[in-house]
Amino acid sequence: MKKLSTGQDSTLGEYRKLTVALLGEDSAAIKFLDEKIAESPVGKNDEVITDESQMIYLLTNIHFKAV
């Protein structure tokens, strides 16, 4: 499994934790991640295989476009 720069596994759940810490629980990025977690057969443990910088770019864009 890929690892994040923090050493954590690259999963939807770990990205959710990081996004809450950086952007807050009410962020549109959290809503996006919650939808992906709900759609996944393994939920928050689903591996994210994209590059970490691309994922952060995606989540921040979702957040700031919704503000």
Protein backbone atom coordinates (compact mmCIF):
# COMPACT_ATOMS: atom_id res chain seq x y z
CA MET A 1 0.00 0.00 0.00
CA LYS A 2 1.19 3.51 -0.79
CA LYS A 3 2.07 5.76 2.12
CA LEU A 4 1.42 9.45 2.66
CA SER A 5 4.25 11.82 3.53
CA THR A 6 2.99 11.58 7.13
CA GLY A 7 3.73 7.85 7.13
CA GLN A 8 0.05 6.89 7.21
CA ASP A 9 -1.50 4.55 4.65
CA SER A 10 -2.92 6.28 1.58
CA THR A 11 -6.62 5.61 2.25
CA LEU A 12 -9.82 7.60 1.99
CA GLY A 13 -10.06 7.62 5.78
CA GLU A 14 -6.58 9.08 6.24
CA TYR A 15 -7.26 11.76 3.62
CA ARG A 16 -10.48 12.55 5.47
CA LYS A 17 -8.57 13.01 8.76
CA LEU A 18 -6.02 15.28 7.09
CA THR A 19 -8.73 17.29 5.33
CA VAL A 20 -10.64 17.84 8.58
CA ALA A 21 -7.43 19.09 10.23
CA LEU A 22 -6.62 21.47 7.37
CA LEU A 23 -10.00 22.60 6.02
CA GLY A 24 -12.52 21.77 8.74
CA GLU A 25 -15.37 19.30 9.14
CA ASP A 26 -17.82 21.43 7.14
CA SER A 27 -15.63 21.59 4.01
CA ALA A 28 -17.05 20.57 0.64
CA ALA A 29 -13.97 18.35 0.35
CA ILE A 30 -15.22 16.36 3.37
CA LYS A 31 -18.58 15.89 1.68
CA PHE A 32 -16.74 14.60 -1.43
CA LEU A 33 -14.66 12.17 0.63
CA ASP A 34 -17.71 10.99 2.60
CA GLU A 35 -19.48 10.21 -0.68
CA LYS A 36 -16.46 8.23 -1.93
CA ILE A 37 -16.27 6.35 1.39
CA ALA A 38 -19.98 5.51 1.19
CA GLU A 39 -19.58 4.25 -2.41
CA SER A 40 -16.58 2.06 -1.61
CA PRO A 41 -17.06 -1.60 -0.70
CA VAL A 42 -14.30 -1.25 1.93
CA GLY A 43 -15.28 2.24 3.08
CA LYS A 44 -12.63 4.42 4.68
CA ASN A 45 -9.99 1.72 4.17
CA ASP A 46 -10.12 2.05 0.37
CA GLU A 47 -6.64 2.75 -0.98
CA VAL A 48 -6.03 6.01 -2.84
CA ILE A 49 -3.53 5.28 -5.59
CA THR A 50 -3.11 8.77 -7.01
CA ASP A 51 -0.10 10.93 -6.18
CA GLU A 52 -0.44 12.72 -2.83
CA SER A 53 0.14 16.18 -4.33
CA GLN A 54 -2.62 15.60 -6.90
CA MET A 55 -5.04 14.50 -4.19
CA ILE A 56 -4.28 17.55 -2.06
CA TYR A 57 -4.73 19.77 -5.11
CA LEU A 58 -8.11 18.15 -5.81
CA LEU A 59 -9.36 18.49 -2.23
CA THR A 60 -8.26 22.12 -1.84
CA ASN A 61 -9.85 23.03 -5.18
CA ILE A 62 -13.13 21.42 -4.09
CA HIS A 63 -12.97 23.36 -0.84
CA PHE A 64 -12.15 26.78 -2.28
CA LYS A 65 -14.56 26.56 -5.21
CA ALA A 66 -17.39 25.89 -2.76
CA VAL A 67 -16.51 28.87 -0.51
